[in-house]
Structure formats: structure tokens, C-alpha cells
Amino acid sequence: QVQPVESGGGLVQAGGSLRLSCAASGRIFSVLAMGWYRQAPGKQRELVAGINSGGITNYADSVKGRFTISRDNAKNTVYLQMNSLKPEDTAVYYCKANYGADYWGQGTQVTVSS
């Protein structure tokens, strides 16, 4: 069974950095497509960044050049390095694993103050 668990959220000033981690249980981590999503109050959940089993990545236009997604299959973990954070990045960030079906984590709050 795949169960993503996020960590690393918090409060940071604009221009600062945070790194989110998502650990997913199971022996199949290396074949999972993983993604980071976010949902701000009153808005729909949106894709922030994704990485497939081959390491190919994709990003939302709003975070290109600032965020980097990576994975460490030995640690069953995917990361989201967020630099040059802006107040509009404030949201609950969710990790999703896909293996036939979608498996969501519980989310971690990221708050960027101006």
C-alpha cells in the first residue's frame, strides 16, 4: 500500500526558502509517479511539480525557475525545494503518488509572509 506523508512546511518570509519532503511507504516507490500539488483558500488544487519514475520533471509556469522537484528512491522520498518564495505561494501543499490509482498525503501548510 502506498501512503505519502509530507513534512517540512512552515512560515517563511518572502524571498526565503523551504524544502518539503514526502515519504511514501512500499517497495514500489521507484516506479511511482510523484507530484506536489497545492491548494490556497478559496482556490482549486493545482499541480506544482511532478516527477515520473524516469526522473522526468514538469512544473507549473508560476514556479518554474524557483522550485525544484527531485526524488531519492533509496529513501522512498520525493522533495520540493522552494526558493524565492512569494506570498502567493501560501497554500497547503499535498504530495500525490500514482500507481494505477492516486494516493494523497494529508498536506503541509506553507505560509509566506510579505
PDB file of N, CA and C in Angstrom:
ATOM      1  N   GLN A   1       0.842  -1.189   0.000  1.00  0.00           N
ATOM      2  CA  GLN A   1       0.000   0.000   0.000  1.00  0.00           C
ATOM      3  C   GLN A   1       0.877   1.238   0.000  1.00  0.00           C
ATOM      4  N   VAL A   2       0.456   2.251  -0.748  1.00  0.00           N
ATOM      5  CA  VAL A   2       1.216   3.488  -0.849  1.00  0.00           C
ATOM      6  C   VAL A   2       0.554   4.539   0.026  1.00  0.00           C
ATOM      7  N   GLN A   3       1.301   5.143   0.912  1.00  0.00           N
ATOM      8  CA  GLN A   3       0.760   6.197   1.765  1.00  0.00           C
ATOM      9  C   GLN A   3       1.775   7.320   1.875  1.00  0.00           C
ATOM     10  N   PRO A   4       1.599   8.395   1.099  1.00  0.00           N
ATOM     11  CA  PRO A   4       2.531   9.520   1.192  1.00  0.00           C
ATOM     12  C   PRO A   4       2.359  10.285   2.502  1.00  0.00           C
ATOM     13  N   VAL A   5       3.465  10.734   3.063  1.00  0.00           N
ATOM     14  CA  VAL A   5       3.458  11.552   4.271  1.00  0.00           C
ATOM     15  C   VAL A   5       4.376  12.750   4.042  1.00  0.00           C
ATOM     16  N   GLU A   6       3.781  13.958   4.086  1.00  0.00           N
ATOM     17  CA  GLU A   6       4.536  15.177   3.841  1.00  0.00           C
ATOM     18  C   GLU A   6       5.126  15.736   5.134  1.00  0.00           C
ATOM     19  N   SER A   7       6.207  16.495   4.984  1.00  0.00           N
ATOM     20  CA  SER A   7       6.796  17.231   6.097  1.00  0.00           C
ATOM     21  C   SER A   7       7.574  18.412   5.523  1.00  0.00           C
ATOM     22  N   GLY A   8       7.895  19.364   6.409  1.00  0.00           N
ATOM     23  CA  GLY A   8       8.760  20.466   6.006  1.00  0.00           C
ATOM     24  C   GLY A   8       8.074  21.798   5.787  1.00  0.00           C
ATOM     25  N   GLY A   9       6.773  21.863   5.950  1.00  0.00           N
ATOM     26  CA  GLY A   9       6.099  23.131   5.785  1.00  0.00           C
ATOM     27  C   GLY A   9       6.410  24.071   6.941  1.00  0.00           C
ATOM     28  N   GLY A  10       5.933  25.311   6.817  1.00  0.00           N
ATOM     29  CA  GLY A  10       6.154  26.271   7.883  1.00  0.00           C
ATOM     30  C   GLY A  10       5.923  27.686   7.412  1.00  0.00           C
ATOM     31  N   LEU A  11       6.385  28.622   8.226  1.00  0.00           N
ATOM     32  CA  LEU A  11       6.246  30.050   7.954  1.00  0.00           C
ATOM     33  C   LEU A  11       7.601  30.608   7.533  1.00  0.00           C
ATOM     34  N   VAL A  12       7.610  31.342   6.443  1.00  0.00           N
ATOM     35  CA  VAL A  12       8.855  31.914   5.938  1.00  0.00           C
ATOM     36  C   VAL A  12       8.560  33.287   5.358  1.00  0.00           C
ATOM     37  N   GLN A  13       9.537  34.155   5.379  1.00  0.00           N
ATOM     38  CA  GLN A  13       9.373  35.474   4.793  1.00  0.00           C
ATOM     39  C   GLN A  13       9.544  35.409   3.273  1.00  0.00           C
ATOM     40  N   ALA A  14       8.937  36.350   2.599  1.00  0.00           N
ATOM     41  CA  ALA A  14       9.083  36.430   1.149  1.00  0.00           C
ATOM     42  C   ALA A  14      10.567  36.488   0.778  1.00  0.00           C
ATOM     43  N   GLY A  15      10.921  35.745  -0.253  1.00  0.00           N
ATOM     44  CA  GLY A  15      12.312  35.653  -0.672  1.00  0.00           C
ATOM     45  C   GLY A  15      13.059  34.498  -0.041  1.00  0.00           C
ATOM     46  N   GLY A  16      12.445  33.873   0.956  1.00  0.00           N
ATOM     47  CA  GLY A  16      13.088  32.764   1.645  1.00  0.00           C
ATOM     48  C   GLY A  16      12.896  31.437   0.936  1.00  0.00           C
ATOM     49  N   SER A  17      13.362  30.376   1.608  1.00  0.00           N
ATOM     50  CA  SER A  17      13.326  29.037   1.030  1.00  0.00           C
ATOM     51  C   SER A  17      12.768  28.034   2.030  1.00  0.00           C
ATOM     52  N   LEU A  18      12.181  26.989   1.490  1.00  0.00           N
ATOM     53  CA  LEU A  18      11.734  25.836   2.278  1.00  0.00           C
ATOM     54  C   LEU A  18      11.953  24.590   1.435  1.00  0.00           C
ATOM     55  N   ARG A  19      12.148  23.471   2.106  1.00  0.00           N
ATOM     56  CA  ARG A  19      12.199  22.193   1.401  1.00  0.00           C
ATOM     57  C   ARG A  19      11.145  21.268   1.991  1.00  0.00           C
ATOM     58  N   LEU A  20      10.262  20.819   1.148  1.00  0.00           N
ATOM     59  CA  LEU A  20       9.251  19.843   1.549  1.00  0.00           C
ATOM     60  C   LEU A  20       9.736  18.447   1.215  1.00  0.00           C
ATOM     61  N   SER A  21       9.358  17.519   2.060  1.00  0.00           N
ATOM     62  CA  SER A  21       9.675  16.110   1.840  1.00  0.00           C
ATOM     63  C   SER A  21       8.396  15.305   1.826  1.00  0.00           C
ATOM     64  N   CYS A  22       8.410  14.243   1.052  1.00  0.00           N
ATOM     65  CA  CYS A  22       7.269  13.329   1.010  1.00  0.00           C
ATOM     66  C   CYS A  22       7.810  11.909   0.991  1.00  0.00           C
ATOM     67  N   ALA A  23       7.544  11.185   2.059  1.00  0.00           N
ATOM     68  CA  ALA A  23       7.969   9.797   2.152  1.00  0.00           C
ATOM     69  C   ALA A  23       6.780   8.901   1.821  1.00  0.00           C
ATOM     70  N   ALA A  24       6.998   7.955   0.952  1.00  0.00           N
ATOM     71  CA  ALA A  24       5.929   7.042   0.567  1.00  0.00           C
ATOM     72  C   ALA A  24       6.342   5.618   0.902  1.00  0.00           C
ATOM     73  N   SER A  25       5.499   4.933   1.612  1.00  0.00           N
ATOM     74  CA  SER A  25       5.804   3.566   2.028  1.00  0.00           C
ATOM     75  C   SER A  25       5.638   2.601   0.858  1.00  0.00           C
ATOM     76  N   GLY A  26       6.205   1.434   0.989  1.00  0.00           N
ATOM     77  CA  GLY A  26       6.042   0.423  -0.044  1.00  0.00           C
ATOM     78  C   GLY A  26       7.307   0.179  -0.825  1.00  0.00           C
ATOM     79  N   ARG A  27       7.398  -1.032  -1.381  1.00  0.00           N
ATOM     80  CA  ARG A  27       8.596  -1.429  -2.106  1.00  0.00           C
ATOM     81  C   ARG A  27       8.570  -0.984  -3.550  1.00  0.00           C
ATOM     82  N   ILE A  28       7.487  -0.309  -3.952  1.00  0.00           N
ATOM     83  CA  ILE A  28       7.327   0.062  -5.357  1.00  0.00           C
ATOM     84  C   ILE A  28       7.637   1.525  -5.604  1.00  0.00           C
ATOM     85  N   PHE A  29       8.254   2.219  -4.641  1.00  0.00           N
ATOM     86  CA  PHE A  29       8.433   3.663  -4.750  1.00  0.00           C
ATOM     87  C   PHE A  29       9.105   4.054  -6.054  1.00  0.00           C
ATOM     88  N   SER A  30      10.102   3.287  -6.478  1.00  0.00           N
ATOM     89  CA  SER A  30      10.885   3.693  -7.642  1.00  0.00           C
ATOM     90  C   SER A  30      10.054   3.756  -8.926  1.00  0.00           C
ATOM     91  N   VAL A  31       8.920   3.087  -8.975  1.00  0.00           N
ATOM     92  CA  VAL A  31       8.099   3.098 -10.180  1.00  0.00           C
ATOM     93  C   VAL A  31       6.916   4.056 -10.066  1.00  0.00           C
ATOM     94  N   LEU A  32       6.825   4.743  -8.948  1.00  0.00           N
ATOM     95  CA  LEU A  32       5.712   5.662  -8.754  1.00  0.00           C
ATOM     96  C   LEU A  32       5.953   6.983  -9.468  1.00  0.00           C
ATOM     97  N   ALA A  33       4.910   7.516 -10.067  1.00  0.00           N
ATOM     98  CA  ALA A  33       4.925   8.903 -10.494  1.00  0.00           C
ATOM     99  C   ALA A  33       4.509   9.734  -9.282  1.00  0.00           C
ATOM    100  N   MET A  34       5.280  10.767  -8.992  1.00  0.00           N
ATOM    101  CA  MET A  34       5.034  11.566  -7.789  1.00  0.00           C
ATOM    102  C   MET A  34       4.765  13.008  -8.193  1.00  0.00           C
ATOM    103  N   GLY A  35       3.952  13.671  -7.400  1.00  0.00           N
ATOM    104  CA  GLY A  35       3.659  15.063  -7.699  1.00  0.00           C
ATOM    105  C   GLY A  35       3.397  15.865  -6.449  1.00  0.00           C
ATOM    106  N   TRP A  36       3.689  17.135  -6.548  1.00  0.00           N
ATOM    107  CA  TRP A  36       3.331  18.096  -5.497  1.00  0.00           C
ATOM    108  C   TRP A  36       2.217  18.983  -6.034  1.00  0.00           C
ATOM    109  N   TYR A  37       1.194  19.139  -5.221  1.00  0.00           N
ATOM    110  CA  TYR A  37       0.065  19.991  -5.534  1.00  0.00           C
ATOM    111  C   TYR A  37      -0.109  20.990  -4.403  1.00  0.00           C
ATOM    112  N   ARG A  38      -0.856  22.039  -4.654  1.00  0.00           N
ATOM    113  CA  ARG A  38      -1.151  22.995  -3.585  1.00  0.00           C
ATOM    114  C   ARG A  38      -2.569  23.524  -3.742  1.00  0.00           C
ATOM    115  N   GLN A  39      -3.107  23.919  -2.601  1.00  0.00           N
ATOM    116  CA  GLN A  39      -4.449  24.479  -2.589  1.00  0.00           C
ATOM    117  C   GLN A  39      -4.481  25.657  -1.639  1.00  0.00           C
ATOM    118  N   ALA A  40      -4.742  26.818  -2.189  1.00  0.00           N
ATOM    119  CA  ALA A  40      -4.889  28.030  -1.395  1.00  0.00           C
ATOM    120  C   ALA A  40      -6.355  28.205  -1.023  1.00  0.00           C
ATOM    121  N   PRO A  41      -6.647  28.951   0.037  1.00  0.00           N
ATOM    122  CA  PRO A  41      -8.034  29.151   0.448  1.00  0.00           C
ATOM    123  C   PRO A  41      -8.878  29.712  -0.684  1.00  0.00           C
ATOM    124  N   GLY A  42     -10.012  29.073  -0.930  1.00  0.00           N
ATOM    125  CA  GLY A  42     -10.920  29.547  -1.962  1.00  0.00           C
ATOM    126  C   GLY A  42     -10.523  29.215  -3.375  1.00  0.00           C
ATOM    127  N   LYS A  43      -9.447  28.450  -3.525  1.00  0.00           N
ATOM    128  CA  LYS A  43      -8.974  28.111  -4.865  1.00  0.00           C
ATOM    129  C   LYS A  43      -8.951  26.606  -5.055  1.00  0.00           C
ATOM    130  N   GLN A  44      -8.890  26.198  -6.311  1.00  0.00           N
ATOM    131  CA  GLN A  44      -8.812  24.778  -6.613  1.00  0.00           C
ATOM    132  C   GLN A  44      -7.398  24.272  -6.399  1.00  0.00           C
ATOM    133  N   ARG A  45      -7.289  22.991  -6.129  1.00  0.00           N
ATOM    134  CA  ARG A  45      -5.980  22.367  -6.006  1.00  0.00           C
ATOM    135  C   ARG A  45      -5.318  22.376  -7.374  1.00  0.00           C
ATOM    136  N   GLU A  46      -4.021  22.712  -7.396  1.00  0.00           N
ATOM    137  CA  GLU A  46      -3.304  22.799  -8.656  1.00  0.00           C
ATOM    138  C   GLU A  46      -1.978  22.055  -8.581  1.00  0.00           C
ATOM    139  N   LEU A  47      -1.547  21.572  -9.742  1.00  0.00           N
ATOM    140  CA  LEU A  47      -0.255  20.908  -9.819  1.00  0.00           C
ATOM    141  C   LEU A  47       0.860  21.941  -9.694  1.00  0.00           C
ATOM    142  N   VAL A  48       1.824  21.645  -8.854  1.00  0.00           N
ATOM    143  CA  VAL A  48       3.009  22.489  -8.714  1.00  0.00           C
ATOM    144  C   VAL A  48       4.170  21.891  -9.497  1.00  0.00           C
ATOM    145  N   ALA A  49       4.431  20.612  -9.269  1.00  0.00           N
ATOM    146  CA  ALA A  49       5.547  19.949  -9.944  1.00  0.00           C
ATOM    147  C   ALA A  49       5.326  18.450  -9.912  1.00  0.00           C
ATOM    148  N   GLY A  50       5.829  17.774 -10.936  1.00  0.00           N
ATOM    149  CA  GLY A  50       5.720  16.329 -10.992  1.00  0.00           C
ATOM    150  C   GLY A  50       7.030  15.702 -11.435  1.00  0.00           C
ATOM    151  N   ILE A  51       7.223  14.438 -11.063  1.00  0.00           N
ATOM    152  CA  ILE A  51       8.406  13.692 -11.482  1.00  0.00           C
ATOM    153  C   ILE A  51       7.990  12.255 -11.702  1.00  0.00           C
ATOM    154  N   ASN A  52       8.380  11.695 -12.845  1.00  0.00           N
ATOM    155  CA  ASN A  52       7.971  10.322 -13.105  1.00  0.00           C
ATOM    156  C   ASN A  52       9.062   9.347 -12.674  1.00  0.00           C
ATOM    157  N   SER A  53       8.839   8.079 -12.930  1.00  0.00           N
ATOM    158  CA  SER A  53       9.783   7.064 -12.466  1.00  0.00           C
ATOM    159  C   SER A  53      11.137   7.193 -13.152  1.00  0.00           C
ATOM    160  N   GLY A  54      11.175   7.812 -14.327  1.00  0.00           N
ATOM    161  CA  GLY A  54      12.430   8.006 -15.043  1.00  0.00           C
ATOM    162  C   GLY A  54      13.136   9.301 -14.690  1.00  0.00           C
ATOM    163  N   GLY A  55      12.542  10.067 -13.772  1.00  0.00           N
ATOM    164  CA  GLY A  55      13.166  11.315 -13.343  1.00  0.00           C
ATOM    165  C   GLY A  55      12.811  12.528 -14.188  1.00  0.00           C
ATOM    166  N   ILE A  56      11.905  12.358 -15.119  1.00  0.00           N
ATOM    167  CA  ILE A  56      11.481  13.495 -15.937  1.00  0.00           C
ATOM    168  C   ILE A  56      10.530  14.364 -15.118  1.00  0.00           C
ATOM    169  N   THR A  57      10.768  15.662 -15.162  1.00  0.00           N
ATOM    170  CA  THR A  57      10.028  16.588 -14.321  1.00  0.00           C
ATOM    171  C   THR A  57       9.173  17.551 -15.152  1.00  0.00           C
ATOM    172  N   ASN A  58       8.157  18.079 -14.516  1.00  0.00           N
ATOM    173  CA  ASN A  58       7.365  19.144 -15.116  1.00  0.00           C
ATOM    174  C   ASN A  58       6.932  20.091 -14.016  1.00  0.00           C
ATOM    175  N   TYR A  59       6.727  21.349 -14.378  1.00  0.00           N
ATOM    176  CA  TYR A  59       6.428  22.394 -13.404  1.00  0.00           C
ATOM    177  C   TYR A  59       5.305  23.293 -13.890  1.00  0.00           C
ATOM    178  N   ALA A  60       4.576  23.842 -12.930  1.00  0.00           N
ATOM    179  CA  ALA A  60       3.650  24.919 -13.248  1.00  0.00           C
ATOM    180  C   ALA A  60       4.452  26.142 -13.652  1.00  0.00           C
ATOM    181  N   ASP A  61       3.909  26.919 -14.568  1.00  0.00           N
ATOM    182  CA  ASP A  61       4.624  28.113 -15.031  1.00  0.00           C
ATOM    183  C   ASP A  61       4.948  29.056 -13.880  1.00  0.00           C
ATOM    184  N   SER A  62       4.082  29.101 -12.889  1.00  0.00           N
ATOM    185  CA  SER A  62       4.241  30.052 -11.797  1.00  0.00           C
ATOM    186  C   SER A  62       5.432  29.734 -10.890  1.00  0.00           C
ATOM    187  N   VAL A  63       5.961  28.514 -10.978  1.00  0.00           N
ATOM    188  CA  VAL A  63       7.073  28.147 -10.093  1.00  0.00           C
ATOM    189  C   VAL A  63       8.348  27.810 -10.850  1.00  0.00           C
ATOM    190  N   LYS A  64       8.307  27.815 -12.164  1.00  0.00           N
ATOM    191  CA  LYS A  64       9.496  27.488 -12.956  1.00  0.00           C
ATOM    192  C   LYS A  64      10.637  28.434 -12.607  1.00  0.00           C
ATOM    193  N   GLY A  65      11.810  27.847 -12.408  1.00  0.00           N
ATOM    194  CA  GLY A  65      12.973  28.642 -12.063  1.00  0.00           C
ATOM    195  C   GLY A  65      13.120  28.912 -10.572  1.00  0.00           C
ATOM    196  N   ARG A  66      12.076  28.622  -9.797  1.00  0.00           N
ATOM    197  CA  ARG A  66      12.130  28.844  -8.347  1.00  0.00           C
ATOM    198  C   ARG A  66      12.045  27.537  -7.560  1.00  0.00           C
ATOM    199  N   PHE A  67      11.254  26.591  -8.048  1.00  0.00           N
ATOM    200  CA  PHE A  67      11.047  25.319  -7.352  1.00  0.00           C
ATOM    201  C   PHE A  67      11.746  24.202  -8.110  1.00  0.00           C
ATOM    202  N   THR A  68      12.215  23.216  -7.352  1.00  0.00           N
ATOM    203  CA  THR A  68      12.837  22.039  -7.947  1.00  0.00           C
ATOM    204  C   THR A  68      12.308  20.782  -7.272  1.00  0.00           C
ATOM    205  N   ILE A  69      11.812  19.856  -8.071  1.00  0.00           N
ATOM    206  CA  ILE A  69      11.357  18.573  -7.550  1.00  0.00           C
ATOM    207  C   ILE A  69      12.439  17.541  -7.821  1.00  0.00           C
ATOM    208  N   SER A  70      12.650  16.661  -6.852  1.00  0.00           N
ATOM    209  CA  SER A  70      13.643  15.602  -7.012  1.00  0.00           C
ATOM    210  C   SER A  70      13.187  14.390  -6.220  1.00  0.00           C
ATOM    211  N   ARG A  71      13.828  13.260  -6.479  1.00  0.00           N
ATOM    212  CA  ARG A  71      13.458  12.048  -5.755  1.00  0.00           C
ATOM    213  C   ARG A  71      14.703  11.263  -5.386  1.00  0.00           C
ATOM    214  N   ASP A  72      14.618  10.576  -4.252  1.00  0.00           N
ATOM    215  CA  ASP A  72      15.671   9.684  -3.783  1.00  0.00           C
ATOM    216  C   ASP A  72      15.024   8.324  -3.574  1.00  0.00           C
ATOM    217  N   ASN A  73      15.172   7.459  -4.538  1.00  0.00           N
ATOM    218  CA  ASN A  73      14.494   6.162  -4.451  1.00  0.00           C
ATOM    219  C   ASN A  73      15.020   5.296  -3.311  1.00  0.00           C
ATOM    220  N   ALA A  74      16.268   5.498  -2.933  1.00  0.00           N
ATOM    221  CA  ALA A  74      16.827   4.720  -1.824  1.00  0.00           C
ATOM    222  C   ALA A  74      16.148   5.076  -0.505  1.00  0.00           C
ATOM    223  N   LYS A  75      15.625   6.303  -0.431  1.00  0.00           N
ATOM    224  CA  LYS A  75      14.958   6.757   0.797  1.00  0.00           C
ATOM    225  C   LYS A  75      13.443   6.812   0.640  1.00  0.00           C
ATOM    226  N   ASN A  76      12.931   6.349  -0.507  1.00  0.00           N
ATOM    227  CA  ASN A  76      11.487   6.392  -0.751  1.00  0.00           C
ATOM    228  C   ASN A  76      10.923   7.792  -0.528  1.00  0.00           C
ATOM    229  N   THR A  77      11.647   8.792  -0.986  1.00  0.00           N
ATOM    230  CA  THR A  77      11.284  10.174  -0.682  1.00  0.00           C
ATOM    231  C   THR A  77      11.377  11.057  -1.925  1.00  0.00           C
ATOM    232  N   VAL A  78      10.423  11.960  -2.048  1.00  0.00           N
ATOM    233  CA  VAL A  78      10.469  12.996  -3.069  1.00  0.00           C
ATOM    234  C   VAL A  78      10.528  14.343  -2.364  1.00  0.00           C
ATOM    235  N   TYR A  79      11.256  15.265  -2.951  1.00  0.00           N
ATOM    236  CA  TYR A  79      11.475  16.573  -2.342  1.00  0.00           C
ATOM    237  C   TYR A  79      10.942  17.684  -3.245  1.00  0.00           C
ATOM    238  N   LEU A  80      10.608  18.793  -2.600  1.00  0.00           N
ATOM    239  CA  LEU A  80      10.296  20.012  -3.348  1.00  0.00           C
ATOM    240  C   LEU A  80      11.092  21.139  -2.712  1.00  0.00           C
ATOM    241  N   GLN A  81      12.134  21.563  -3.393  1.00  0.00           N
ATOM    242  CA  GLN A  81      12.932  22.700  -2.943  1.00  0.00           C
ATOM    243  C   GLN A  81      12.286  23.963  -3.468  1.00  0.00           C
ATOM    244  N   MET A  82      11.910  24.844  -2.574  1.00  0.00           N
ATOM    245  CA  MET A  82      11.218  26.073  -2.948  1.00  0.00           C
ATOM    246  C   MET A  82      12.073  27.266  -2.574  1.00  0.00           C
ATOM    247  N   ASN A  83      12.500  28.005  -3.562  1.00  0.00           N
ATOM    248  CA  ASN A  83      13.317  29.196  -3.364  1.00  0.00           C
ATOM    249  C   ASN A  83      12.568  30.441  -3.830  1.00  0.00           C
ATOM    250  N   SER A  84      13.051  31.583  -3.412  1.00  0.00           N
ATOM    251  CA  SER A  84      12.447  32.867  -3.805  1.00  0.00           C
ATOM    252  C   SER A  84      10.933  32.844  -3.588  1.00  0.00           C
ATOM    253  N   LEU A  85      10.536  32.399  -2.415  1.00  0.00           N
ATOM    254  CA  LEU A  85       9.107  32.248  -2.137  1.00  0.00           C
ATOM    255  C   LEU A  85       8.390  33.587  -2.130  1.00  0.00           C
ATOM    256  N   LYS A  86       7.142  33.543  -2.587  1.00  0.00           N
ATOM    257  CA  LYS A  86       6.300  34.733  -2.681  1.00  0.00           C
ATOM    258  C   LYS A  86       5.043  34.511  -1.829  1.00  0.00           C
ATOM    259  N   PRO A  87       4.412  35.588  -1.383  1.00  0.00           N
ATOM    260  CA  PRO A  87       3.166  35.425  -0.612  1.00  0.00           C
ATOM    261  C   PRO A  87       2.124  34.588  -1.357  1.00  0.00           C
ATOM    262  N   GLU A  88       2.101  34.667  -2.654  1.00  0.00           N
ATOM    263  CA  GLU A  88       1.116  33.896  -3.426  1.00  0.00           C
ATOM    264  C   GLU A  88       1.426  32.400  -3.462  1.00  0.00           C
ATOM    265  N   ASP A  89       2.562  31.988  -2.920  1.00  0.00           N
ATOM    266  CA  ASP A  89       2.862  30.566  -2.782  1.00  0.00           C
ATOM    267  C   ASP A  89       2.217  29.973  -1.532  1.00  0.00           C
ATOM    268  N   THR A  90       1.614  30.822  -0.706  1.00  0.00           N
ATOM    269  CA  THR A  90       0.963  30.353   0.505  1.00  0.00           C
ATOM    270  C   THR A  90      -0.174  29.399   0.158  1.00  0.00           C
ATOM    271  N   ALA A  91      -0.137  28.209   0.739  1.00  0.00           N
ATOM    272  CA  ALA A  91      -1.128  27.183   0.450  1.00  0.00           C
ATOM    273  C   ALA A  91      -0.841  25.953   1.299  1.00  0.00           C
ATOM    274  N   VAL A  92      -1.764  25.021   1.266  1.00  0.00           N
ATOM    275  CA  VAL A  92      -1.486  23.679   1.774  1.00  0.00           C
ATOM    276  C   VAL A  92      -0.906  22.884   0.610  1.00  0.00           C
ATOM    277  N   TYR A  93       0.234  22.293   0.849  1.00  0.00           N
ATOM    278  CA  TYR A  93       0.926  21.528  -0.183  1.00  0.00           C
ATOM    279  C   TYR A  93       0.696  20.039   0.052  1.00  0.00           C
ATOM    280  N   TYR A  94       0.285  19.364  -1.011  1.00  0.00           N
ATOM    281  CA  TYR A  94      -0.025  17.947  -0.942  1.00  0.00           C
ATOM    282  C   TYR A  94       0.909  17.148  -1.846  1.00  0.00           C
ATOM    283  N   CYS A  95       1.249  15.978  -1.388  1.00  0.00           N
ATOM    284  CA  CYS A  95       2.032  15.046  -2.181  1.00  0.00           C
ATOM    285  C   CYS A  95       1.087  13.975  -2.715  1.00  0.00           C
ATOM    286  N   LYS A  96       1.264  13.622  -3.969  1.00  0.00           N
ATOM    287  CA  LYS A  96       0.454  12.574  -4.573  1.00  0.00           C
ATOM    288  C   LYS A  96       1.343  11.542  -5.229  1.00  0.00           C
ATOM    289  N   ALA A  97       1.017  10.296  -4.967  1.00  0.00           N
ATOM    290  CA  ALA A  97       1.689   9.178  -5.631  1.00  0.00           C
ATOM    291  C   ALA A  97       0.689   8.518  -6.565  1.00  0.00           C
ATOM    292  N   ASN A  98       1.166   8.122  -7.723  1.00  0.00           N
ATOM    293  CA  ASN A  98       0.283   7.455  -8.672  1.00  0.00           C
ATOM    294  C   ASN A  98       0.842   6.104  -9.049  1.00  0.00           C
ATOM    295  N   TYR A  99       0.029   5.087  -8.818  1.00  0.00           N
ATOM    296  CA  TYR A  99       0.377   3.724  -9.231  1.00  0.00           C
ATOM    297  C   TYR A  99      -0.938   3.049  -9.585  1.00  0.00           C
ATOM    298  N   GLY A 100      -1.416   3.388 -10.773  1.00  0.00           N
ATOM    299  CA  GLY A 100      -2.750   2.936 -11.148  1.00  0.00           C
ATOM    300  C   GLY A 100      -3.792   3.876 -10.578  1.00  0.00           C
ATOM    301  N   ALA A 101      -3.780   4.035  -9.292  1.00  0.00           N
ATOM    302  CA  ALA A 101      -4.674   4.962  -8.597  1.00  0.00           C
ATOM    303  C   ALA A 101      -3.852   6.088  -7.966  1.00  0.00           C
ATOM    304  N   ASP A 102      -4.547   7.140  -7.540  1.00  0.00           N
ATOM    305  CA  ASP A 102      -3.881   8.258  -6.871  1.00  0.00           C
ATOM    306  C   ASP A 102      -3.934   8.071  -5.365  1.00  0.00           C
ATOM    307  N   TYR A 103      -2.801   8.327  -4.721  1.00  0.00           N
ATOM    308  CA  TYR A 103      -2.700   8.255  -3.268  1.00  0.00           C
ATOM    309  C   TYR A 103      -2.207   9.610  -2.779  1.00  0.00           C
ATOM    310  N   TRP A 104      -2.987  10.224  -1.875  1.00  0.00           N
ATOM    311  CA  TRP A 104      -2.691  11.576  -1.406  1.00  0.00           C
ATOM    312  C   TRP A 104      -2.192  11.566   0.022  1.00  0.00           C
ATOM    313  N   GLY A 105      -1.273  12.503   0.308  1.00  0.00           N
ATOM    314  CA  GLY A 105      -0.873  12.737   1.680  1.00  0.00           C
ATOM    315  C   GLY A 105      -1.860  13.666   2.363  1.00  0.00           C
ATOM    316  N   GLN A 106      -1.576  13.968   3.617  1.00  0.00           N
ATOM    317  CA  GLN A 106      -2.506  14.780   4.415  1.00  0.00           C
ATOM    318  C   GLN A 106      -2.291  16.276   4.217  1.00  0.00           C
ATOM    319  N   GLY A 107      -1.178  16.649   3.618  1.00  0.00           N
ATOM    320  CA  GLY A 107      -0.903  18.050   3.349  1.00  0.00           C
ATOM    321  C   GLY A 107      -0.043  18.697   4.411  1.00  0.00           C
ATOM    322  N   THR A 108       0.691  19.725   4.011  1.00  0.00           N
ATOM    323  CA  THR A 108       1.502  20.503   4.939  1.00  0.00           C
ATOM    324  C   THR A 108       1.357  21.978   4.571  1.00  0.00           C
ATOM    325  N   GLN A 109       1.200  22.806   5.593  1.00  0.00           N
ATOM    326  CA  GLN A 109       0.937  24.227   5.360  1.00  0.00           C
ATOM    327  C   GLN A 109       2.236  24.974   5.081  1.00  0.00           C
ATOM    328  N   VAL A 110       2.210  25.777   4.039  1.00  0.00           N
ATOM    329  CA  VAL A 110       3.298  26.699   3.732  1.00  0.00           C
ATOM    330  C   VAL A 110       2.718  28.111   3.754  1.00  0.00           C
ATOM    331  N   THR A 111       3.289  28.970   4.576  1.00  0.00           N
ATOM    332  CA  THR A 111       2.837  30.347   4.680  1.00  0.00           C
ATOM    333  C   THR A 111       4.011  31.272   4.404  1.00  0.00           C
ATOM    334  N   VAL A 112       3.842  32.158   3.435  1.00  0.00           N
ATOM    335  CA  VAL A 112       4.889  33.103   3.072  1.00  0.00           C
ATOM    336  C   VAL A 112       4.401  34.505   3.431  1.00  0.00           C
ATOM    337  N   SER A 113       5.106  35.146   4.324  1.00  0.00           N
ATOM    338  CA  SER A 113       4.715  36.482   4.761  1.00  0.00           C
ATOM    339  C   SER A 113       5.421  37.552   3.925  1.00  0.00           C
ATOM    340  N   SER A 114       4.733  38.650   3.737  1.00  0.00           N
ATOM    341  CA  SER A 114       5.294  39.735   2.911  1.00  0.00           C
ATOM    342  C   SER A 114       6.106  40.699   3.755  1.00  0.00           C
TER     343      SER A 114
END
